[in-house]
C-alpha cells in the first residue's frame, strides 16, 4: 500500500509541474509591450520550427528584445537555459522518489547528466552572444551554433531514454513532454541565431 501512495505522489508531482509550466507560458500573452516589438517577435518566430512556442516564450522578454536580431537570439537562449535548469532540478528530485522502477531511475539519472551538458553549452552560448564583436563575428557565431546544436543532441538523447516499453506511462509522458519542450525551445533559439547570422551576413 505504501508503494502505491509513493507512486501516486510521483504522478501528482509530475502533473503539478507540467501544469505550472503551462500557466507560466500562458501568462506570457498578458504582458504589455510596444506593437512594433510584438510584431518583431512574431515575425522573427515565424522562421522557427515551433513559432507558437517561440512567440509565447519570448513575449515576456519584449522590453529587453526591442527589435534586435541579436537580442531576440540572446533572449531565446536565456529562456531555454532557464527551462533546462528547472527541468533538471525537477528530475533530480524525481529520481529520488519511491515507487519508480530501476529503469526509470536510471533513465532519469542519465537524462540529468545530458541536461547538465545542455546547461553548460547554453551558458557558453549566452556568454559568447553577449561578447560578440565585428571582427570575430564569424568565428564566435560558429561556436554558438556548434554549442546549441550539441545541446539539442543531448536533449534528444535524453528523450530517447524514455522511449522504451519498460517505462511507466505517466512518468514517460510527463518527463518526455518536458524534455521535448526544451528541445523545441533550443531548436527555436538555433533558428533565431541562424537568422541573426544571416542578418549580419
N, C-alpha and C. Protein backbone atom coordinates (compact mmCIF):
# COMPACT_ATOMS: atom_id res chain seq x y z
N UNK A 1 0.83 -1.20 0.00
CA UNK A 1 0.00 0.00 0.00
C UNK A 1 0.86 1.25 0.00
N UNK A 2 2.01 1.17 0.72
CA UNK A 2 2.90 2.32 0.81
C UNK A 2 3.47 2.68 -0.56
N UNK A 3 3.80 1.62 -1.34
CA UNK A 3 4.38 1.89 -2.64
C UNK A 3 3.37 2.56 -3.57
N UNK A 4 2.07 2.19 -3.42
CA UNK A 4 1.03 2.80 -4.23
C UNK A 4 0.93 4.28 -3.92
N UNK A 5 1.03 4.61 -2.63
CA UNK A 5 0.96 6.01 -2.22
C UNK A 5 2.13 6.81 -2.82
N UNK A 6 3.33 6.21 -2.79
CA UNK A 6 4.50 6.88 -3.34
C UNK A 6 4.36 7.10 -4.83
N UNK A 7 3.86 6.07 -5.49
CA UNK A 7 3.66 6.16 -6.94
C UNK A 7 2.67 7.26 -7.28
N UNK A 8 1.56 7.33 -6.52
CA UNK A 8 0.57 8.37 -6.75
C UNK A 8 1.15 9.75 -6.49
N UNK A 9 2.01 9.84 -5.47
CA UNK A 9 2.63 11.12 -5.15
C UNK A 9 3.51 11.59 -6.29
N UNK A 10 4.25 10.64 -6.87
CA UNK A 10 5.10 10.97 -8.01
C UNK A 10 4.25 11.47 -9.17
N UNK A 11 3.19 10.75 -9.45
CA UNK A 11 2.29 11.14 -10.54
C UNK A 11 1.72 12.53 -10.33
N UNK A 12 1.32 12.82 -9.09
CA UNK A 12 0.76 14.13 -8.77
C UNK A 12 1.80 15.23 -8.96
N UNK A 13 3.04 14.94 -8.53
CA UNK A 13 4.10 15.93 -8.67
C UNK A 13 4.37 16.24 -10.13
N UNK A 14 4.42 15.20 -10.96
CA UNK A 14 4.65 15.39 -12.38
C UNK A 14 3.55 16.24 -13.02
N UNK A 15 2.32 15.92 -12.68
CA UNK A 15 1.18 16.67 -13.22
C UNK A 15 1.23 18.12 -12.77
N UNK A 16 1.58 18.33 -11.49
CA UNK A 16 1.65 19.68 -10.93
C UNK A 16 2.71 20.50 -11.65
N UNK A 17 3.88 19.91 -11.88
CA UNK A 17 4.96 20.62 -12.56
C UNK A 17 4.57 20.97 -13.98
N UNK A 18 3.98 20.00 -14.68
CA UNK A 18 3.56 20.23 -16.05
C UNK A 18 2.51 21.34 -16.12
N UNK A 19 1.58 21.34 -15.16
CA UNK A 19 0.52 22.35 -15.14
C UNK A 19 1.09 23.73 -14.85
N UNK A 20 2.03 23.81 -13.91
CA UNK A 20 2.61 25.10 -13.55
C UNK A 20 3.37 25.69 -14.74
N UNK A 21 4.03 24.83 -15.52
CA UNK A 21 4.75 25.29 -16.70
C UNK A 21 3.78 25.86 -17.74
N UNK A 22 2.63 25.21 -17.87
CA UNK A 22 1.62 25.68 -18.80
C UNK A 22 1.11 27.05 -18.39
N UNK A 23 0.90 27.24 -17.09
CA UNK A 23 0.44 28.53 -16.58
C UNK A 23 1.47 29.61 -16.87
N UNK A 24 2.75 29.30 -16.66
CA UNK A 24 3.80 30.29 -16.88
C UNK A 24 3.86 30.74 -18.33
N UNK A 25 3.75 29.77 -19.26
CA UNK A 25 3.80 30.12 -20.67
C UNK A 25 2.54 30.86 -21.08
N UNK A 26 1.37 30.43 -20.57
CA UNK A 26 0.11 31.06 -20.93
C UNK A 26 0.05 32.50 -20.47
N UNK A 27 0.65 32.79 -19.32
CA UNK A 27 0.59 34.14 -18.76
C UNK A 27 1.41 35.12 -19.58
N UNK A 28 2.29 34.59 -20.44
CA UNK A 28 3.14 35.47 -21.23
C UNK A 28 2.34 36.41 -22.11
N UNK A 29 1.22 35.92 -22.61
CA UNK A 29 0.40 36.72 -23.50
C UNK A 29 -0.20 37.95 -22.86
N UNK A 30 -0.18 38.02 -21.53
CA UNK A 30 -0.78 39.15 -20.84
C UNK A 30 0.22 40.27 -20.59
N UNK A 31 1.48 40.08 -21.00
CA UNK A 31 2.47 41.12 -20.81
C UNK A 31 2.24 42.25 -21.81
N UNK A 32 2.49 43.48 -21.36
CA UNK A 32 2.29 44.64 -22.22
C UNK A 32 3.61 44.99 -22.89
N UNK A 33 3.60 45.15 -24.20
CA UNK A 33 4.80 45.50 -24.94
C UNK A 33 4.40 46.35 -26.15
N UNK A 34 5.31 47.21 -26.65
CA UNK A 34 5.01 48.01 -27.84
C UNK A 34 4.64 47.14 -29.02
N UNK A 35 3.72 47.64 -29.85
CA UNK A 35 3.25 46.85 -31.00
C UNK A 35 4.40 46.50 -31.95
N UNK A 36 5.34 47.44 -32.12
CA UNK A 36 6.45 47.17 -33.03
C UNK A 36 7.29 45.99 -32.54
N UNK A 37 7.50 45.93 -31.21
CA UNK A 37 8.28 44.83 -30.64
C UNK A 37 7.53 43.52 -30.76
N UNK A 38 6.24 43.55 -30.46
CA UNK A 38 5.41 42.34 -30.56
C UNK A 38 5.42 41.81 -31.99
N UNK A 39 5.30 42.71 -32.95
CA UNK A 39 5.30 42.30 -34.35
C UNK A 39 6.67 41.75 -34.75
N UNK A 40 7.73 42.35 -34.22
CA UNK A 40 9.09 41.87 -34.50
C UNK A 40 9.27 40.45 -33.97
N UNK A 41 8.79 40.21 -32.76
CA UNK A 41 8.89 38.86 -32.17
C UNK A 41 8.09 37.87 -33.00
N UNK A 42 6.86 38.26 -33.37
CA UNK A 42 6.00 37.37 -34.16
C UNK A 42 6.65 37.04 -35.51
N UNK A 43 7.18 38.06 -36.18
CA UNK A 43 7.81 37.86 -37.48
C UNK A 43 9.07 37.00 -37.36
N UNK A 44 9.89 37.30 -36.34
CA UNK A 44 11.12 36.53 -36.13
C UNK A 44 10.80 35.07 -35.84
N UNK A 45 9.78 34.84 -35.02
CA UNK A 45 9.41 33.48 -34.64
C UNK A 45 8.80 32.69 -35.80
N UNK A 46 8.28 33.41 -36.79
CA UNK A 46 7.65 32.72 -37.92
C UNK A 46 8.67 31.90 -38.72
N UNK A 47 9.96 32.20 -38.55
CA UNK A 47 11.00 31.45 -39.27
C UNK A 47 11.51 30.25 -38.48
N UNK A 48 10.98 30.06 -37.27
CA UNK A 48 11.40 28.93 -36.44
C UNK A 48 10.52 27.72 -36.70
N UNK A 49 10.93 26.58 -36.19
CA UNK A 49 10.18 25.33 -36.38
C UNK A 49 8.91 25.31 -35.54
N UNK A 50 8.96 25.98 -34.38
CA UNK A 50 7.82 25.98 -33.46
C UNK A 50 7.45 27.43 -33.14
N UNK A 51 6.84 28.12 -34.12
CA UNK A 51 6.58 29.56 -33.97
C UNK A 51 5.69 29.94 -32.80
N UNK A 52 4.67 29.14 -32.49
CA UNK A 52 3.77 29.47 -31.40
C UNK A 52 4.51 29.45 -30.06
N UNK A 53 5.28 28.39 -29.84
CA UNK A 53 6.07 28.28 -28.61
C UNK A 53 7.09 29.41 -28.54
N UNK A 54 7.72 29.70 -29.66
CA UNK A 54 8.70 30.78 -29.73
C UNK A 54 8.08 32.10 -29.31
N UNK A 55 6.95 32.42 -29.90
CA UNK A 55 6.27 33.69 -29.61
C UNK A 55 5.85 33.78 -28.14
N UNK A 56 5.23 32.73 -27.64
CA UNK A 56 4.73 32.74 -26.26
C UNK A 56 5.87 32.79 -25.24
N UNK A 57 6.97 32.12 -25.54
CA UNK A 57 8.08 32.08 -24.59
C UNK A 57 8.87 33.38 -24.56
N UNK A 58 8.84 34.14 -25.66
CA UNK A 58 9.66 35.35 -25.75
C UNK A 58 8.88 36.64 -25.49
N UNK A 59 7.57 36.56 -25.46
CA UNK A 59 6.77 37.78 -25.29
C UNK A 59 7.08 38.47 -23.97
N UNK A 60 7.39 37.69 -22.93
CA UNK A 60 7.70 38.28 -21.62
C UNK A 60 9.05 39.01 -21.65
N UNK A 61 9.86 38.73 -22.68
CA UNK A 61 11.18 39.36 -22.80
C UNK A 61 11.15 40.56 -23.75
N UNK A 62 9.95 40.99 -24.13
CA UNK A 62 9.81 42.02 -25.18
C UNK A 62 10.57 43.30 -24.88
N UNK A 63 10.53 43.77 -23.64
CA UNK A 63 11.20 45.04 -23.30
C UNK A 63 12.70 44.95 -23.49
N UNK A 64 13.25 43.76 -23.31
CA UNK A 64 14.68 43.57 -23.50
C UNK A 64 15.04 43.34 -24.97
N UNK A 65 14.15 42.64 -25.68
CA UNK A 65 14.40 42.30 -27.08
C UNK A 65 14.33 43.51 -28.00
N UNK A 66 13.34 44.37 -27.77
CA UNK A 66 13.08 45.52 -28.64
C UNK A 66 12.89 45.02 -30.08
N UNK A 67 13.74 45.45 -31.00
CA UNK A 67 13.65 44.94 -32.38
C UNK A 67 15.04 44.52 -32.86
N UNK A 68 15.80 43.87 -31.98
CA UNK A 68 17.17 43.48 -32.29
C UNK A 68 17.29 41.98 -32.57
N UNK A 69 17.79 41.60 -33.74
CA UNK A 69 18.01 40.18 -34.04
C UNK A 69 18.97 39.52 -33.06
N UNK A 70 19.97 40.27 -32.59
CA UNK A 70 20.91 39.73 -31.61
C UNK A 70 20.23 39.51 -30.27
N UNK A 71 19.44 40.48 -29.82
CA UNK A 71 18.82 40.39 -28.51
C UNK A 71 17.72 39.32 -28.45
N UNK A 72 17.02 39.09 -29.56
CA UNK A 72 15.99 38.06 -29.55
C UNK A 72 16.64 36.67 -29.50
N UNK A 73 17.77 36.51 -30.18
CA UNK A 73 18.50 35.24 -30.11
C UNK A 73 19.05 35.03 -28.70
N UNK A 74 19.55 36.09 -28.11
CA UNK A 74 20.08 36.05 -26.74
C UNK A 74 18.97 35.69 -25.76
N UNK A 75 17.80 36.32 -25.93
CA UNK A 75 16.66 36.04 -25.05
C UNK A 75 16.19 34.60 -25.19
N UNK A 76 16.18 34.09 -26.41
CA UNK A 76 15.76 32.70 -26.65
C UNK A 76 16.69 31.73 -25.94
N UNK A 77 17.97 32.03 -25.94
CA UNK A 77 18.94 31.19 -25.23
C UNK A 77 18.69 31.23 -23.72
N UNK A 78 18.41 32.42 -23.20
CA UNK A 78 18.15 32.56 -21.76
C UNK A 78 16.90 31.81 -21.32
N UNK A 79 15.84 31.90 -22.12
CA UNK A 79 14.59 31.19 -21.82
C UNK A 79 14.83 29.68 -21.83
N UNK A 80 15.59 29.22 -22.81
CA UNK A 80 15.90 27.79 -22.92
C UNK A 80 16.73 27.32 -21.73
N UNK A 81 17.72 28.13 -21.34
CA UNK A 81 18.56 27.78 -20.19
C UNK A 81 17.72 27.69 -18.92
N UNK A 82 16.85 28.66 -18.71
CA UNK A 82 16.01 28.66 -17.51
C UNK A 82 15.13 27.42 -17.44
N UNK A 83 14.56 27.04 -18.58
CA UNK A 83 13.70 25.86 -18.64
C UNK A 83 14.50 24.58 -18.41
N UNK A 84 15.70 24.52 -18.97
CA UNK A 84 16.56 23.35 -18.78
C UNK A 84 16.96 23.20 -17.32
N UNK A 85 17.28 24.30 -16.66
CA UNK A 85 17.70 24.26 -15.26
C UNK A 85 16.55 23.80 -14.36
N UNK A 86 15.35 24.33 -14.58
CA UNK A 86 14.21 23.95 -13.74
C UNK A 86 13.81 22.50 -13.97
N UNK A 87 13.91 22.03 -15.21
CA UNK A 87 13.59 20.64 -15.52
C UNK A 87 14.61 19.70 -14.90
N UNK A 88 15.87 20.07 -14.97
CA UNK A 88 16.94 19.26 -14.37
C UNK A 88 16.73 19.12 -12.86
N UNK A 89 16.41 20.23 -12.21
CA UNK A 89 16.15 20.20 -10.76
C UNK A 89 14.96 19.30 -10.43
N UNK A 90 13.92 19.36 -11.26
CA UNK A 90 12.74 18.52 -11.06
C UNK A 90 13.11 17.04 -11.18
N UNK A 91 13.94 16.71 -12.17
CA UNK A 91 14.28 15.32 -12.42
C UNK A 91 15.21 14.76 -11.34
N UNK A 92 16.07 15.61 -10.78
CA UNK A 92 16.92 15.16 -9.67
C UNK A 92 16.05 14.73 -8.50
N UNK A 93 15.00 15.50 -8.22
CA UNK A 93 14.09 15.16 -7.12
C UNK A 93 13.29 13.90 -7.45
N UNK A 94 12.81 13.81 -8.68
CA UNK A 94 12.00 12.65 -9.07
C UNK A 94 12.81 11.35 -9.04
N UNK A 95 14.09 11.44 -9.39
CA UNK A 95 14.94 10.25 -9.40
C UNK A 95 15.09 9.64 -8.01
N UNK A 96 14.86 10.46 -6.98
CA UNK A 96 14.98 10.00 -5.60
C UNK A 96 13.63 9.54 -5.02
N UNK A 97 12.57 9.66 -5.81
CA UNK A 97 11.24 9.29 -5.33
C UNK A 97 11.07 7.78 -5.25
N UNK A 98 10.27 7.35 -4.32
CA UNK A 98 9.95 5.93 -4.20
C UNK A 98 8.87 5.57 -5.23
N UNK A 99 8.82 4.31 -5.58
CA UNK A 99 7.78 3.84 -6.48
C UNK A 99 8.20 3.82 -7.94
N UNK A 100 9.44 4.25 -8.23
CA UNK A 100 9.94 4.22 -9.60
C UNK A 100 10.70 2.92 -9.86
N UNK A 101 10.62 2.43 -11.09
CA UNK A 101 11.38 1.25 -11.48
C UNK A 101 12.86 1.62 -11.61
N UNK A 102 13.75 0.66 -11.41
CA UNK A 102 15.19 0.92 -11.61
C UNK A 102 15.49 1.49 -12.99
N UNK A 103 14.77 1.00 -14.01
CA UNK A 103 15.00 1.50 -15.37
C UNK A 103 14.62 2.97 -15.49
N UNK A 104 13.56 3.37 -14.77
CA UNK A 104 13.13 4.76 -14.80
C UNK A 104 14.12 5.66 -14.06
N UNK A 105 14.60 5.18 -12.92
CA UNK A 105 15.60 5.93 -12.16
C UNK A 105 16.87 6.10 -13.00
N UNK A 106 17.30 5.02 -13.65
CA UNK A 106 18.49 5.06 -14.48
C UNK A 106 18.34 6.04 -15.64
N UNK A 107 17.16 6.02 -16.27
CA UNK A 107 16.91 6.93 -17.39
C UNK A 107 16.94 8.38 -16.93
N UNK A 108 16.38 8.63 -15.74
CA UNK A 108 16.38 9.99 -15.20
C UNK A 108 17.79 10.45 -14.87
N UNK A 109 18.58 9.57 -14.27
CA UNK A 109 19.95 9.94 -13.93
C UNK A 109 20.76 10.23 -15.19
N UNK A 110 20.58 9.40 -16.22
CA UNK A 110 21.26 9.64 -17.50
C UNK A 110 20.81 10.97 -18.09
N UNK A 111 19.51 11.23 -17.99
CA UNK A 111 18.94 12.45 -18.55
C UNK A 111 19.47 13.69 -17.83
N UNK A 112 19.61 13.58 -16.51
CA UNK A 112 20.15 14.70 -15.73
C UNK A 112 21.58 15.03 -16.20
N UNK A 113 22.36 13.99 -16.49
CA UNK A 113 23.72 14.20 -17.00
C UNK A 113 23.68 14.90 -18.36
N UNK A 114 22.76 14.47 -19.21
CA UNK A 114 22.62 15.11 -20.52
C UNK A 114 22.20 16.57 -20.36
N UNK A 115 21.30 16.83 -19.42
CA UNK A 115 20.85 18.20 -19.20
C UNK A 115 21.95 19.07 -18.62
N UNK A 116 22.83 18.47 -17.82
CA UNK A 116 23.98 19.23 -17.30
C UNK A 116 24.87 19.70 -18.44
N UNK A 117 25.06 18.81 -19.43
CA UNK A 117 25.83 19.19 -20.62
C UNK A 117 25.10 20.29 -21.39
N UNK A 118 23.79 20.13 -21.52
CA UNK A 118 22.97 21.14 -22.21
C UNK A 118 23.11 22.50 -21.54
N UNK A 119 22.99 22.52 -20.22
CA UNK A 119 23.08 23.77 -19.46
C UNK A 119 24.45 24.42 -19.66
N UNK A 120 25.50 23.62 -19.64
CA UNK A 120 26.85 24.14 -19.84
C UNK A 120 26.99 24.75 -21.23
N UNK A 121 26.46 24.04 -22.23
CA UNK A 121 26.56 24.52 -23.62
C UNK A 121 25.75 25.80 -23.83
N UNK A 122 24.59 25.88 -23.20
CA UNK A 122 23.77 27.08 -23.31
C UNK A 122 24.42 28.26 -22.61
N UNK A 123 25.01 28.00 -21.47
CA UNK A 123 25.71 29.08 -20.73
C UNK A 123 26.86 29.65 -21.56
N UNK A 124 27.64 28.77 -22.19
CA UNK A 124 28.74 29.23 -23.03
C UNK A 124 28.21 30.04 -24.22
N UNK A 125 27.10 29.59 -24.77
CA UNK A 125 26.49 30.30 -25.91
C UNK A 125 26.02 31.68 -25.50
N UNK A 126 25.39 31.78 -24.34
CA UNK A 126 24.88 33.06 -23.84
C UNK A 126 26.04 34.03 -23.59
N UNK A 127 27.10 33.52 -22.97
CA UNK A 127 28.27 34.35 -22.71
C UNK A 127 28.89 34.86 -24.00
N UNK A 128 29.02 33.98 -24.98
CA UNK A 128 29.61 34.34 -26.27
C UNK A 128 28.73 35.34 -27.01
N UNK A 129 27.41 35.13 -26.95
CA UNK A 129 26.48 36.03 -27.63
C UNK A 129 26.57 37.45 -27.05
N UNK A 130 26.82 37.53 -25.75
CA UNK A 130 26.92 38.83 -25.10
C UNK A 130 28.21 39.56 -25.41
N UNK A 131 29.21 38.83 -25.93
CA UNK A 131 30.52 39.45 -26.20
C UNK A 131 30.86 39.51 -27.69
N UNK A 132 29.89 39.15 -28.52
CA UNK A 132 30.16 39.02 -29.96
C UNK A 132 30.60 40.36 -30.56
N UNK A 133 31.66 40.31 -31.37
CA UNK A 133 32.23 41.52 -31.94
C UNK A 133 32.40 41.38 -33.45
N UNK A 134 32.46 42.54 -34.10
CA UNK A 134 32.52 42.59 -35.55
C UNK A 134 33.62 41.78 -36.18
N UNK A 135 34.85 42.00 -35.75
CA UNK A 135 35.98 41.35 -36.39
C UNK A 135 36.01 39.83 -36.17
N UNK A 136 35.41 39.38 -35.08
CA UNK A 136 35.41 37.96 -34.76
C UNK A 136 34.00 37.36 -34.86
N UNK A 137 33.12 38.07 -35.53
CA UNK A 137 31.71 37.64 -35.57
C UNK A 137 31.56 36.22 -36.11
N UNK A 138 32.18 35.95 -37.26
CA UNK A 138 32.02 34.64 -37.90
C UNK A 138 32.46 33.50 -37.01
N UNK A 139 33.61 33.65 -36.39
CA UNK A 139 34.15 32.61 -35.52
C UNK A 139 33.28 32.40 -34.29
N UNK A 140 32.83 33.52 -33.70
CA UNK A 140 32.04 33.43 -32.48
C UNK A 140 30.65 32.85 -32.75
N UNK A 141 30.04 33.25 -33.86
CA UNK A 141 28.70 32.73 -34.17
C UNK A 141 28.78 31.25 -34.50
N UNK A 142 29.89 30.82 -35.11
CA UNK A 142 30.07 29.39 -35.38
C UNK A 142 30.17 28.59 -34.09
N UNK A 143 30.88 29.14 -33.10
CA UNK A 143 30.98 28.49 -31.79
C UNK A 143 29.59 28.34 -31.17
N UNK A 144 28.82 29.42 -31.22
CA UNK A 144 27.47 29.41 -30.63
C UNK A 144 26.59 28.37 -31.32
N UNK A 145 26.63 28.35 -32.64
CA UNK A 145 25.83 27.38 -33.39
C UNK A 145 26.24 25.94 -33.05
N UNK A 146 27.54 25.72 -32.88
CA UNK A 146 28.03 24.38 -32.53
C UNK A 146 27.55 23.97 -31.16
N UNK A 147 27.64 24.87 -30.18
CA UNK A 147 27.22 24.56 -28.81
C UNK A 147 25.71 24.31 -28.72
N UNK A 148 24.93 25.14 -29.40
CA UNK A 148 23.47 24.98 -29.33
C UNK A 148 23.05 23.70 -30.05
N UNK A 149 23.71 23.37 -31.14
CA UNK A 149 23.43 22.10 -31.84
C UNK A 149 23.77 20.92 -30.95
N UNK A 150 24.86 21.01 -30.20
CA UNK A 150 25.25 19.94 -29.27
C UNK A 150 24.22 19.81 -28.15
N UNK A 151 23.72 20.94 -27.67
CA UNK A 151 22.68 20.92 -26.63
C UNK A 151 21.43 20.20 -27.14
N UNK A 152 21.07 20.47 -28.38
CA UNK A 152 19.89 19.83 -28.97
C UNK A 152 20.10 18.32 -29.08
N UNK A 153 21.30 17.89 -29.43
CA UNK A 153 21.62 16.46 -29.49
C UNK A 153 21.49 15.82 -28.12
N UNK A 154 22.01 16.49 -27.09
CA UNK A 154 21.91 15.98 -25.72
C UNK A 154 20.45 15.81 -25.30
N UNK A 155 19.63 16.78 -25.64
CA UNK A 155 18.21 16.73 -25.26
C UNK A 155 17.50 15.58 -25.97
N UNK A 156 17.81 15.38 -27.23
CA UNK A 156 17.19 14.28 -27.97
C UNK A 156 17.62 12.93 -27.42
N UNK A 157 18.89 12.83 -26.99
CA UNK A 157 19.39 11.61 -26.37
C UNK A 157 18.64 11.32 -25.08
N UNK A 158 18.41 12.38 -24.31
CA UNK A 158 17.65 12.26 -23.06
C UNK A 158 16.23 11.77 -23.34
N UNK A 159 15.57 12.38 -24.31
CA UNK A 159 14.19 12.00 -24.65
C UNK A 159 14.12 10.55 -25.11
N UNK A 160 15.13 10.11 -25.88
CA UNK A 160 15.16 8.74 -26.38
C UNK A 160 15.22 7.73 -25.23
N UNK A 161 15.83 8.15 -24.11
CA UNK A 161 15.96 7.26 -22.96
C UNK A 161 14.62 6.92 -22.32
N UNK A 162 13.60 7.71 -22.65
CA UNK A 162 12.27 7.46 -22.09
C UNK A 162 11.32 6.88 -23.13
N UNK A 163 11.88 6.36 -24.19
CA UNK A 163 11.04 5.81 -25.25
C UNK A 163 10.77 4.32 -25.14
N UNK A 164 11.43 3.65 -24.20
CA UNK A 164 11.28 2.20 -24.09
C UNK A 164 9.97 1.75 -23.47
N UNK A 165 9.65 0.48 -23.66
CA UNK A 165 8.42 -0.08 -23.13
C UNK A 165 8.50 -0.35 -21.63
N UNK A 166 9.70 -0.31 -21.07
CA UNK A 166 9.87 -0.57 -19.65
C UNK A 166 9.47 0.63 -18.79
N UNK A 167 9.16 1.74 -19.43
CA UNK A 167 8.81 2.94 -18.69
C UNK A 167 7.33 2.97 -18.35
N UNK A 168 7.04 3.49 -17.15
CA UNK A 168 5.65 3.70 -16.76
C UNK A 168 5.05 4.78 -17.66
N UNK A 169 3.81 4.59 -18.05
CA UNK A 169 3.17 5.52 -18.99
C UNK A 169 3.14 6.96 -18.53
N UNK A 170 2.71 7.21 -17.30
CA UNK A 170 2.56 8.59 -16.82
C UNK A 170 3.91 9.26 -16.62
N UNK A 171 4.89 8.49 -16.12
CA UNK A 171 6.23 9.04 -15.91
C UNK A 171 6.86 9.38 -17.27
N UNK A 172 6.78 8.43 -18.20
CA UNK A 172 7.36 8.63 -19.52
C UNK A 172 6.74 9.83 -20.22
N UNK A 173 5.42 9.93 -20.16
CA UNK A 173 4.72 11.03 -20.85
C UNK A 173 5.10 12.38 -20.27
N UNK A 174 5.10 12.48 -18.94
CA UNK A 174 5.38 13.77 -18.29
C UNK A 174 6.81 14.21 -18.51
N UNK A 175 7.75 13.28 -18.31
CA UNK A 175 9.17 13.64 -18.43
C UNK A 175 9.53 13.95 -19.88
N UNK A 176 9.11 13.09 -20.80
CA UNK A 176 9.43 13.32 -22.21
C UNK A 176 8.81 14.64 -22.69
N UNK A 177 7.65 14.98 -22.17
CA UNK A 177 7.00 16.23 -22.56
C UNK A 177 7.86 17.43 -22.18
N UNK A 178 8.43 17.38 -20.97
CA UNK A 178 9.31 18.46 -20.52
C UNK A 178 10.57 18.55 -21.37
N UNK A 179 11.17 17.39 -21.65
CA UNK A 179 12.41 17.37 -22.43
C UNK A 179 12.15 17.83 -23.86
N UNK A 180 11.04 17.39 -24.42
CA UNK A 180 10.68 17.80 -25.79
C UNK A 180 10.48 19.32 -25.86
N UNK A 181 9.89 19.90 -24.81
CA UNK A 181 9.71 21.35 -24.77
C UNK A 181 11.06 22.06 -24.80
N UNK A 182 12.03 21.55 -24.02
CA UNK A 182 13.37 22.14 -24.02
C UNK A 182 14.00 22.01 -25.41
N UNK A 183 13.84 20.84 -26.03
CA UNK A 183 14.39 20.62 -27.36
C UNK A 183 13.77 21.58 -28.37
N UNK A 184 12.47 21.82 -28.26
CA UNK A 184 11.79 22.74 -29.17
C UNK A 184 12.29 24.18 -28.95
N UNK A 185 12.46 24.55 -27.68
CA UNK A 185 12.99 25.89 -27.37
C UNK A 185 14.41 26.04 -27.93
N UNK A 186 15.20 24.98 -27.80
CA UNK A 186 16.57 25.00 -28.30
C UNK A 186 16.59 25.12 -29.82
N UNK A 187 15.72 24.38 -30.46
CA UNK A 187 15.60 24.44 -31.92
C UNK A 187 15.23 25.85 -32.37
N UNK A 188 14.30 26.46 -31.65
CA UNK A 188 13.89 27.83 -31.97
C UNK A 188 15.04 28.81 -31.78
N UNK A 189 15.77 28.63 -30.68
CA UNK A 189 16.91 29.51 -30.40
C UNK A 189 17.95 29.40 -31.52
N UNK A 190 18.19 28.17 -31.97
CA UNK A 190 19.17 27.95 -33.04
C UNK A 190 18.71 28.63 -34.34
N UNK A 191 17.41 28.56 -34.62
CA UNK A 191 16.88 29.20 -35.82
C UNK A 191 17.05 30.72 -35.74
N UNK A 192 16.83 31.29 -34.55
CA UNK A 192 16.99 32.74 -34.38
C UNK A 192 18.46 33.14 -34.45
N UNK A 193 19.34 32.27 -33.97
CA UNK A 193 20.78 32.51 -34.08
C UNK A 193 21.19 32.50 -35.55
N UNK A 194 20.66 31.53 -36.30
CA UNK A 194 20.96 31.44 -37.74
C UNK A 194 20.44 32.67 -38.48
N UNK A 195 19.27 33.14 -38.09
CA UNK A 195 18.70 34.36 -38.69
C UNK A 195 19.58 35.56 -38.41
N UNK A 196 20.06 35.64 -37.17
CA UNK A 196 20.96 36.74 -36.80
C UNK A 196 22.25 36.67 -37.60
N UNK A 197 22.78 35.46 -37.78
CA UNK A 197 24.00 35.29 -38.58
C UNK A 197 23.78 35.76 -40.02
N UNK A 198 22.62 35.43 -40.58
CA UNK A 198 22.29 35.83 -41.95
C UNK A 198 22.11 37.35 -42.02
N UNK A 199 21.50 37.91 -40.97
CA UNK A 199 21.25 39.36 -40.92
C UNK A 199 22.57 40.11 -40.92
N UNK A 200 23.56 39.61 -40.17
CA UNK A 200 24.87 40.25 -40.13
C UNK A 200 25.66 39.98 -41.40
N UNK A 201 25.35 38.79 -42.00
CA UNK A 201 25.87 38.33 -43.24
C UNK A 201 27.26 38.68 -43.60
